[in-house]
């Protein structure tokens, strides 16, 4: 949970959730909606788990969406950590809407590229090369050009989706986001490519093998917090203030120019519109990575994990889990134990984890899911999204 130090904030109330079945004990509900998993559970390629801390309602949210955008080789993953009085609502809203905005712009981008490459717009009509030469040259560069163009399009769509998501939150009357917001760490796996976009201090870490076949951790994101000089400089240039609260002098926070609020522990987030004129932004850092044979899995998690476990500890716990389906749960349980050991008198933070496994066996998506069924799934989700907007 990205903590705020603002005063006078009421406690958020727990929100309801869909239920397919209830597990025993205190575990949360497991629910799966045809390729879109957002509660505790597992898919063919991923494991998810979240647990409420001791600070009130669980403000973390997560999602894994297989066959994302009706593409058999594509998976979307995300972890969202809310903060402020309505942080739990903001995080869930981002979880539900951001993927839709991404697919919408991605498909529009593909349509635009298709129009550009249509025969009427092609420069090949004016080419003086022979048909055989054209075919040979086209074959040589087609795969590389298509690959780079698709990555460029996906990054552009992700950047636009983040901006549109924040714009919608500002216009959303059902959720007051003036002093509530959410982080986001998102990952799109398409074939052998990873595209990561994030804001705030939720993190993505890769578990991979080095040349000695030892498991190592590679951090794929940078925590976007006031402790980063470039981030703090942007805040100050916009007349915001950066300093540590007297109760936690070592934790730098973002404050309004003249008021000691809200004390946000990150420099990029959805919502938090009280700070958007003072340097806080929702522009994501976006990076790409091509999967190698040595790469095994990626862990996306909220700061409830990273505050008490190192990157190496995280990948070791995931790799040693009894099964892939239980990997996320094992990691959360280890983090909760670490919280209790390190801060016996403190309050455990919310934890949310998505473990995405990268090898062929784990990444295979059932071929029985046809494009028509995917379209129906997307239609149901869009209908749910539209209904929620109408009610809001």
Protein backbone atom coordinates (compact mmCIF):
# COMPACT_ATOMS: atom_id res chain seq x y z
CA UNK A 1 0.00 0.00 0.00
CA UNK A 2 1.42 3.40 -0.99
CA UNK A 3 0.96 5.16 2.34
CA UNK A 4 -0.33 8.72 2.67
CA UNK A 5 0.23 10.86 5.74
CA UNK A 6 -2.76 13.14 5.16
CA UNK A 7 -5.04 13.68 8.11
CA UNK A 8 -8.79 13.40 8.39
CA UNK A 9 -9.17 10.51 5.97
CA UNK A 10 -11.93 8.08 6.74
CA UNK A 11 -11.50 4.34 6.67
CA UNK A 12 -12.60 2.74 3.39
CA UNK A 13 -15.25 0.09 3.52
CA UNK A 14 -14.86 -3.38 2.09
CA UNK A 15 -16.30 -3.91 -1.36
CA UNK A 16 -18.14 -6.98 -2.52
CA UNK A 17 -16.72 -9.48 -5.00
CA UNK A 18 -17.95 -12.15 -7.37
CA UNK A 19 -17.82 -15.67 -5.99
CA UNK A 20 -17.48 -18.96 -7.79
CA UNK A 21 -16.48 -21.00 -4.77
CA UNK A 22 -15.14 -20.34 -1.30
CA UNK A 23 -12.01 -22.06 -0.12
CA UNK A 24 -11.56 -23.34 3.40
CA UNK A 25 -10.18 -21.26 6.25
CA UNK A 26 -9.44 -17.58 5.80
CA UNK A 27 -8.42 -17.80 2.15
CA UNK A 28 -10.14 -15.42 -0.20
CA UNK A 29 -12.60 -16.48 -2.86
CA UNK A 30 -11.28 -18.16 -5.96
CA UNK A 31 -12.93 -16.94 -9.13
CA UNK A 32 -12.11 -17.35 -12.78
CA UNK A 33 -13.96 -15.82 -15.71
CA UNK A 34 -12.91 -17.56 -18.94
CA UNK A 35 -9.28 -16.54 -19.16
CA UNK A 36 -9.51 -13.46 -16.94
CA UNK A 37 -8.45 -14.22 -13.38
CA UNK A 38 -8.47 -11.48 -10.78
CA UNK A 39 -8.90 -13.37 -7.49
CA UNK A 40 -6.70 -15.91 -5.75
CA UNK A 41 -5.98 -18.87 -8.01
CA UNK A 42 -3.94 -20.07 -10.97
CA UNK A 43 -4.07 -20.38 -14.75
CA UNK A 44 -2.05 -22.46 -17.19
CA UNK A 45 0.79 -19.95 -17.02
CA UNK A 46 0.34 -17.93 -13.85
CA UNK A 47 -0.29 -17.95 -10.12
CA UNK A 48 -2.05 -15.13 -8.23
CA UNK A 49 -2.56 -14.42 -4.56
CA UNK A 50 -3.42 -11.43 -2.41
CA UNK A 51 -3.90 -11.10 1.33
CA UNK A 52 -5.25 -8.26 3.41
CA UNK A 53 -2.85 -6.68 5.87
CA UNK A 54 -3.60 -5.19 9.27
CA UNK A 55 -4.35 -1.66 8.07
CA UNK A 56 -7.97 -2.04 7.00
CA UNK A 57 -9.57 -3.17 3.75
CA UNK A 58 -7.26 -4.80 1.19
CA UNK A 59 -6.35 -2.05 -1.27
CA UNK A 60 -4.38 -4.30 -3.62
CA UNK A 61 -5.79 -5.68 -6.88
CA UNK A 62 -4.38 -7.98 -9.56
CA UNK A 63 -5.24 -9.57 -12.88
CA UNK A 64 -4.05 -12.17 -15.38
CA UNK A 65 -5.79 -12.20 -18.75
CA UNK A 66 -4.91 -15.04 -21.11
CA UNK A 67 -5.49 -14.73 -24.87
CA UNK A 68 -5.39 -11.00 -24.31
CA UNK A 69 -6.87 -9.02 -27.18
CA UNK A 70 -8.02 -12.31 -28.77
CA UNK A 71 -4.37 -13.22 -29.38
CA UNK A 72 -3.47 -16.81 -28.55
CA UNK A 73 0.16 -15.95 -27.74
CA UNK A 74 -0.55 -12.96 -25.50
CA UNK A 75 -1.04 -12.63 -21.74
CA UNK A 76 -1.70 -9.44 -19.77
CA UNK A 77 -0.72 -9.26 -16.09
CA UNK A 78 -1.06 -6.46 -13.60
CA UNK A 79 -0.78 -5.58 -9.91
CA UNK A 80 -2.35 -2.39 -8.57
CA UNK A 81 -1.76 -0.99 -5.08
CA UNK A 82 -4.33 1.57 -3.92
CA UNK A 83 -3.84 4.27 -1.30
CA UNK A 84 -5.95 6.92 0.35
CA UNK A 85 -9.55 6.65 1.63
CA UNK A 86 -10.86 5.10 -1.61
CA UNK A 87 -7.66 3.44 -2.76
CA UNK A 88 -9.29 0.01 -2.88
CA UNK A 89 -11.88 1.31 -5.34
CA UNK A 90 -9.29 3.05 -7.51
CA UNK A 91 -7.11 -0.06 -7.72
CA UNK A 92 -10.04 -2.26 -8.75
CA UNK A 93 -11.23 0.30 -11.27
CA UNK A 94 -7.80 0.42 -12.88
CA UNK A 95 -7.64 -3.38 -12.88
CA UNK A 96 -10.95 -3.60 -14.73
CA UNK A 97 -10.60 -0.71 -17.17
CA UNK A 98 -6.91 -0.34 -18.06
CA UNK A 99 -6.72 -3.64 -20.02
CA UNK A 100 -9.78 -2.63 -22.05
CA UNK A 101 -8.29 0.73 -22.93
CA UNK A 102 -5.08 -1.00 -23.98
CA UNK A 103 -6.80 -3.50 -26.28
CA UNK A 104 -8.98 -0.77 -27.77
CA UNK A 105 -6.06 1.41 -28.82
CA UNK A 106 -3.92 -1.59 -29.81
CA UNK A 107 -6.58 -2.78 -32.24
CA UNK A 108 -7.05 0.74 -33.60
CA UNK A 109 -3.30 0.96 -34.14
CA UNK A 110 -3.28 -2.30 -36.06
CA UNK A 111 -6.13 -1.06 -38.24
CA UNK A 112 -4.20 2.11 -39.01
CA UNK A 113 -1.09 0.14 -39.93
CA UNK A 114 -3.13 -2.19 -42.12
CA UNK A 115 -4.56 0.81 -43.96
CA UNK A 116 -1.08 2.24 -44.51
CA UNK A 117 0.18 -1.06 -45.92
CA UNK A 118 -2.78 -1.62 -48.24
CA UNK A 119 -2.00 -1.83 -51.99
CA UNK A 120 -3.38 1.65 -52.65
CA UNK A 121 -0.89 3.17 -50.22
CA UNK A 122 2.06 0.95 -50.99
CA UNK A 123 5.21 2.33 -52.55
CA UNK A 124 5.74 -1.05 -54.22
CA UNK A 125 3.47 0.09 -57.05
CA UNK A 126 6.24 2.45 -58.16
CA UNK A 127 9.09 -0.03 -57.66
CA UNK A 128 11.39 -0.82 -60.59
CA UNK A 129 12.63 -4.08 -59.04
CA UNK A 130 11.62 -7.42 -60.51
CA UNK A 131 8.91 -9.48 -58.73
CA UNK A 132 11.51 -12.02 -57.58
CA UNK A 133 13.73 -9.30 -56.12
CA UNK A 134 10.77 -7.76 -54.33
CA UNK A 135 9.78 -11.12 -52.84
CA UNK A 136 13.34 -11.82 -51.72
CA UNK A 137 13.77 -8.40 -50.12
CA UNK A 138 10.35 -8.58 -48.52
CA UNK A 139 11.03 -12.00 -47.04
CA UNK A 140 14.36 -10.82 -45.67
CA UNK A 141 13.00 -7.87 -43.75
CA UNK A 142 9.34 -8.69 -43.24
CA UNK A 143 9.73 -10.59 -39.97
CA UNK A 144 12.08 -8.04 -38.41
CA UNK A 145 10.00 -5.06 -39.51
CA UNK A 146 6.76 -6.63 -38.34
CA UNK A 147 8.31 -7.50 -34.99
CA UNK A 148 9.71 -4.02 -34.33
CA UNK A 149 6.57 -2.33 -35.59
CA UNK A 150 4.37 -4.43 -33.31
CA UNK A 151 6.50 -3.62 -30.26
CA UNK A 152 6.45 0.06 -31.13
CA UNK A 153 2.69 -0.04 -31.52
CA UNK A 154 2.22 -1.90 -28.23
CA UNK A 155 4.38 0.56 -26.29
CA UNK A 156 2.53 3.48 -27.81
CA UNK A 157 -0.83 1.90 -26.95
CA UNK A 158 0.29 1.21 -23.38
CA UNK A 159 1.40 4.81 -22.93
CA UNK A 160 -1.92 6.08 -24.28
CA UNK A 161 -3.92 3.65 -22.15
CA UNK A 162 -2.30 4.94 -18.95
CA UNK A 163 -3.13 8.51 -19.90
CA UNK A 164 -6.73 7.69 -20.79
CA UNK A 165 -7.12 5.71 -17.57
CA UNK A 166 -6.10 8.68 -15.45
CA UNK A 167 -8.37 10.96 -17.46
CA UNK A 168 -11.33 8.67 -16.82
CA UNK A 169 -10.61 8.56 -13.09
CA UNK A 170 -10.68 12.35 -13.03
CA UNK A 171 -14.08 12.36 -14.73
CA UNK A 172 -15.43 9.40 -12.75
CA UNK A 173 -18.10 10.68 -10.36
CA UNK A 174 -18.50 7.40 -8.50
CA UNK A 175 -14.97 7.48 -7.05
CA UNK A 176 -13.44 10.58 -5.51
CA UNK A 177 -9.80 10.37 -6.56
CA UNK A 178 -8.73 13.77 -5.26
CA UNK A 179 -6.67 12.23 -2.46
CA UNK A 180 -6.93 8.54 -3.42
CA UNK A 181 -4.99 6.71 -6.09
CA UNK A 182 -3.15 3.58 -7.16
CA UNK A 183 0.16 2.32 -8.44
CA UNK A 184 0.35 -0.05 -11.40
CA UNK A 185 2.85 -2.56 -12.67
CA UNK A 186 1.70 -4.20 -15.89
CA UNK A 187 3.26 -6.77 -18.18
CA UNK A 188 2.25 -7.94 -21.63
CA UNK A 189 3.81 -11.17 -22.84
CA UNK A 190 3.39 -11.63 -26.57
CA UNK A 191 5.23 -14.60 -27.94
CA UNK A 192 8.81 -14.24 -26.72
CA UNK A 193 8.53 -10.54 -25.93
CA UNK A 194 7.83 -8.82 -22.62
CA UNK A 195 6.59 -5.23 -22.46
CA UNK A 196 6.46 -3.74 -18.96
CA UNK A 197 4.78 -0.49 -17.99
CA UNK A 198 4.61 0.83 -14.44
CA UNK A 199 3.98 3.81 -12.17
CA UNK A 200 4.67 3.98 -8.44
CA UNK A 201 6.53 1.47 -6.31
CA UNK A 202 4.95 -1.84 -7.33
CA UNK A 203 7.72 -3.87 -8.93
CA UNK A 204 8.51 -6.51 -11.56
CA UNK A 205 11.40 -8.94 -11.05
CA UNK A 206 12.61 -11.67 -13.40
CA UNK A 207 13.82 -15.05 -12.21
CA UNK A 208 16.52 -16.24 -14.62
CA UNK A 209 19.58 -18.51 -14.76
CA UNK A 210 23.10 -17.15 -15.06
CA UNK A 211 25.94 -18.79 -16.99
CA UNK A 212 26.55 -21.09 -14.01
CA UNK A 213 22.89 -22.15 -14.05
CA UNK A 214 22.29 -20.41 -10.72
CA UNK A 215 18.96 -18.70 -10.19
CA UNK A 216 19.33 -14.92 -10.14
CA UNK A 217 16.95 -11.98 -9.83
CA UNK A 218 16.81 -9.20 -12.41
CA UNK A 219 14.74 -6.16 -11.49
CA UNK A 220 12.75 -5.06 -14.55
CA UNK A 221 11.36 -1.83 -13.08
CA UNK A 222 12.62 1.09 -11.01
CA UNK A 223 10.59 2.15 -7.97
CA UNK A 224 9.30 5.60 -8.90
CA UNK A 225 9.60 7.32 -5.54
CA UNK A 226 10.79 10.68 -4.19
CA UNK A 227 14.15 9.10 -3.32
CA UNK A 228 15.01 9.14 -7.04
CA UNK A 229 16.78 12.48 -7.71
CA UNK A 230 15.18 12.95 -11.14
CA UNK A 231 11.70 12.31 -9.74
CA UNK A 232 12.22 14.62 -6.76
CA UNK A 233 13.53 17.34 -9.06
CA UNK A 234 10.36 17.22 -11.17
CA UNK A 235 8.22 17.56 -8.04
CA UNK A 236 10.19 20.57 -6.83
CA UNK A 237 10.14 22.25 -10.24
CA UNK A 238 6.34 22.04 -10.09
CA UNK A 239 6.33 23.67 -6.62
CA UNK A 240 5.64 20.44 -4.78
CA UNK A 241 7.71 19.58 -1.71
CA UNK A 242 9.72 16.47 -0.87
CA UNK A 243 10.71 15.57 2.68
CA UNK A 244 10.27 12.87 5.30
CA UNK A 245 7.55 13.07 7.92
CA UNK A 246 8.69 13.38 11.53
CA UNK A 247 7.36 9.89 12.25
CA UNK A 248 9.37 8.41 9.33
CA UNK A 249 12.17 10.86 8.51
CA UNK A 250 13.94 8.35 6.25
CA UNK A 251 10.90 7.90 3.98
CA UNK A 252 10.67 10.79 1.51
CA UNK A 253 7.15 11.86 0.56
CA UNK A 254 5.43 14.30 -1.77
CA UNK A 255 3.58 17.23 -0.19
CA UNK A 256 1.53 20.18 -1.36
CA UNK A 257 3.29 23.57 -1.56
CA UNK A 258 1.79 25.02 1.62
CA UNK A 259 0.01 22.14 3.39
CA UNK A 260 1.55 19.12 5.07
CA UNK A 261 -0.58 16.74 3.05
CA UNK A 262 -1.02 14.26 1.48
CA UNK A 263 2.47 12.84 2.08
CA UNK A 264 2.50 10.46 -0.87
CA UNK A 265 5.34 7.92 -0.89
CA UNK A 266 5.59 7.81 -4.70
CA UNK A 267 5.99 10.26 -7.57
CA UNK A 268 3.78 8.59 -10.19
CA UNK A 269 0.29 7.24 -9.66
CA UNK A 270 -3.23 7.07 -11.00
CA UNK A 271 -5.56 9.51 -9.26
CA UNK A 272 -4.26 11.73 -6.43
CA UNK A 273 -5.43 14.77 -8.37
CA UNK A 274 -4.61 17.09 -5.48
CA UNK A 275 -0.96 16.60 -6.51
CA UNK A 276 -1.23 16.45 -10.30
CA UNK A 277 -0.44 20.18 -10.62
CA UNK A 278 2.63 19.79 -8.42
CA UNK A 279 4.71 17.17 -10.22
CA UNK A 280 2.83 13.91 -9.68
CA UNK A 281 2.24 12.21 -13.05
CA UNK A 282 0.65 9.03 -14.40
CA UNK A 283 3.10 8.60 -17.29
CA UNK A 284 4.50 5.06 -17.12
CA UNK A 285 8.07 3.93 -17.52
CA UNK A 286 7.97 1.38 -20.34
CA UNK A 287 10.61 -1.23 -21.12
CA UNK A 288 10.93 -4.32 -23.32
CA UNK A 289 12.78 -7.59 -22.95
CA UNK A 290 13.07 -10.59 -25.22
CA UNK A 291 12.67 -13.88 -23.37
CA UNK A 292 15.66 -16.25 -23.46
CA UNK A 293 15.91 -19.93 -22.65
CA UNK A 294 17.36 -19.00 -19.26
CA UNK A 295 14.38 -16.88 -18.19
CA UNK A 296 11.94 -18.80 -15.99
CA UNK A 297 9.34 -16.47 -14.50
CA UNK A 298 8.41 -12.88 -13.71
CA UNK A 299 7.03 -11.75 -10.35
CA UNK A 300 4.78 -8.69 -10.19
CA UNK A 301 4.02 -7.54 -6.66
CA UNK A 302 2.96 -4.62 -4.50
CA UNK A 303 5.35 -3.06 -2.00
CA UNK A 304 3.94 -5.27 0.74
CA UNK A 305 6.31 -7.89 -0.70
CA UNK A 306 9.33 -5.76 -1.57
CA UNK A 307 9.41 -3.87 1.73
CA UNK A 308 10.37 -7.02 3.63
CA UNK A 309 11.91 -9.40 1.05
CA UNK A 310 14.83 -8.87 -1.31
CA UNK A 311 14.57 -9.60 -5.02
CA UNK A 312 16.70 -12.71 -4.58
CA UNK A 313 14.60 -13.96 -1.69
CA UNK A 314 11.48 -13.52 -3.82
CA UNK A 315 12.74 -15.54 -6.79
CA UNK A 316 14.09 -18.26 -4.49
CA UNK A 317 10.71 -18.61 -2.76
CA UNK A 318 8.85 -18.82 -6.07
CA UNK A 319 11.29 -21.35 -7.50
CA UNK A 320 11.06 -23.57 -4.41
CA UNK A 321 7.25 -23.55 -4.16
CA UNK A 322 5.66 -27.04 -4.10
CA UNK A 323 3.81 -26.25 -7.33
CA UNK A 324 3.48 -23.39 -9.74
CA UNK A 325 -0.15 -22.91 -8.81
CA UNK A 326 0.87 -22.28 -5.18
CA UNK A 327 3.88 -20.05 -5.91
CA UNK A 328 2.13 -16.71 -5.34
CA UNK A 329 0.52 -17.91 -2.11
CA UNK A 330 3.86 -19.19 -0.79
CA UNK A 331 5.44 -15.82 -1.52
CA UNK A 332 2.69 -13.87 0.25
CA UNK A 333 2.89 -16.16 3.27
CA UNK A 334 6.66 -15.67 3.44
CA UNK A 335 6.22 -11.90 3.26
CA UNK A 336 3.62 -11.91 6.05
CA UNK A 337 6.00 -13.92 8.21
CA UNK A 338 8.80 -11.46 7.45
CA UNK A 339 6.57 -8.52 8.39
CA UNK A 340 5.84 -10.10 11.77
CA UNK A 341 9.51 -10.82 12.41
CA UNK A 342 10.84 -7.42 11.35
CA UNK A 343 8.02 -5.32 12.77
CA UNK A 344 6.48 -7.30 15.64
CA UNK A 345 4.59 -4.27 16.92
CA UNK A 346 3.78 -2.86 13.49
CA UNK A 347 0.98 -3.47 11.05
CA UNK A 348 1.43 -5.87 8.14
CA UNK A 349 0.84 -4.30 4.74
CA UNK A 350 -1.47 -5.68 2.05
CA UNK A 351 0.28 -8.07 -0.33
CA UNK A 352 -0.55 -8.95 -3.94
CA UNK A 353 1.49 -11.19 -6.23
CA UNK A 354 1.31 -12.41 -9.83
CA UNK A 355 3.82 -15.06 -10.90
CA UNK A 356 4.00 -15.51 -14.68
CA UNK A 357 5.92 -18.57 -15.87
CA UNK A 358 7.70 -18.14 -19.18
CA UNK A 359 8.64 -21.58 -20.49
CA UNK A 360 6.67 -23.27 -23.27
CA UNK A 361 4.86 -25.70 -20.97
CA UNK A 362 3.57 -23.01 -18.65
CA UNK A 363 2.87 -20.49 -21.37
CA UNK A 364 0.82 -22.77 -23.60
CA UNK A 365 -2.77 -21.68 -23.96
CA UNK A 366 -5.38 -24.27 -24.77
CA UNK A 367 -5.99 -24.40 -28.52
CA UNK A 368 -9.63 -25.22 -27.87
CA UNK A 369 -10.24 -21.55 -27.10
CA UNK A 370 -11.24 -20.20 -30.49
CA UNK A 371 -11.32 -16.60 -31.60
CA UNK A 372 -15.08 -16.60 -31.45
CA UNK A 373 -15.08 -17.65 -27.81
CA UNK A 374 -12.46 -15.01 -27.04
CA UNK A 375 -14.62 -12.38 -28.68
CA UNK A 376 -17.56 -13.51 -26.57
CA UNK A 377 -15.43 -13.27 -23.43
CA UNK A 378 -14.29 -9.78 -24.34
CA UNK A 379 -17.87 -8.83 -25.08
CA UNK A 380 -19.02 -10.00 -21.66
CA UNK A 381 -16.22 -8.05 -19.99
CA UNK A 382 -17.01 -4.93 -22.02
CA UNK A 383 -20.68 -5.27 -21.09
CA UNK A 384 -19.66 -5.52 -17.42
CA UNK A 385 -17.44 -2.46 -17.87
CA UNK A 386 -20.22 -0.47 -19.56
CA UNK A 387 -22.68 -1.39 -16.85
CA UNK A 388 -20.27 -0.32 -14.12
CA UNK A 389 -19.79 3.02 -15.85
CA UNK A 390 -23.52 3.56 -16.11
CA UNK A 391 -24.01 2.79 -12.43
CA UNK A 392 -21.11 5.05 -11.49
